[in-house]
Amino acid sequence: MTTAPGLKDYLATRRSIPAFQMCEPGPGQAEIEEMLTLASRVPDHGKLAPWRFIVYRGEERGRISAQLARLALEAKPDLSEEMIKVENTRLTRAPVVIAVVSTAAPHFKVPEWEQIMSAGAVCLNLLMAANALGYCSNWLSEWFAFDQRAYPVLGIRDGEKVAGFIHIGSPQVPPTERPRPALSDIVTWVGNDA
């Protein structure tokens, strides 16, 4: 393989933009399809493609957000006005939201954990694909990713799980850096460099 200095520079500075700091324009259908094609190029033991995508765009985002807000109020009737506003905008903060849905299941050869990690890899690839096409992105998993009552509203089937909601749009503000872990805190070396 040849070196890719542009990719190295990108990885050294990759940063998410909060979904509430995104605005139009968002990607069109052809760009979304390109992103999904790029996102699908992940390690996938057994070539199972143990994930799928749900793309939320346009006015449907508002309708679904309102239904999610109703579910949130059912669970917590004492929600503040501020939180009700947040709930009503769950899928409208960014022009496009894409659910990465894990379809991992028991398999005679491929451990379910590997299938789940493949869905996580898809989420990261989708973030990077959005950035490659000039958009900002953010990988979120909010309460409704784990609340089965919300699954019919979101189009998630029985037995599936949400790996993440990828919010995609244009940035209202430039990205800022945040603290990253020191390698000394997260790396264990085994063996010597010969």
Foldseek 3Di string as FASTA:
>chain_A
DDDDVVVVVCVVDPDADPLLQFDDDWDDPVLVVQLLVQLLPFDDVPPPSQKDKDKDADPLLQVLLLVQLVVVCVVPVPDDPVVSVCSSCVRPSARMKMWIKGNQDDDPPDDSVSSLVRSVSSLVSSQVSLVVVPKGKDWADDPLQPDPVSCVSRVHDPNMGTSTMMGIHHGNDDGDDDDDDDCVVPDDDDDDDD
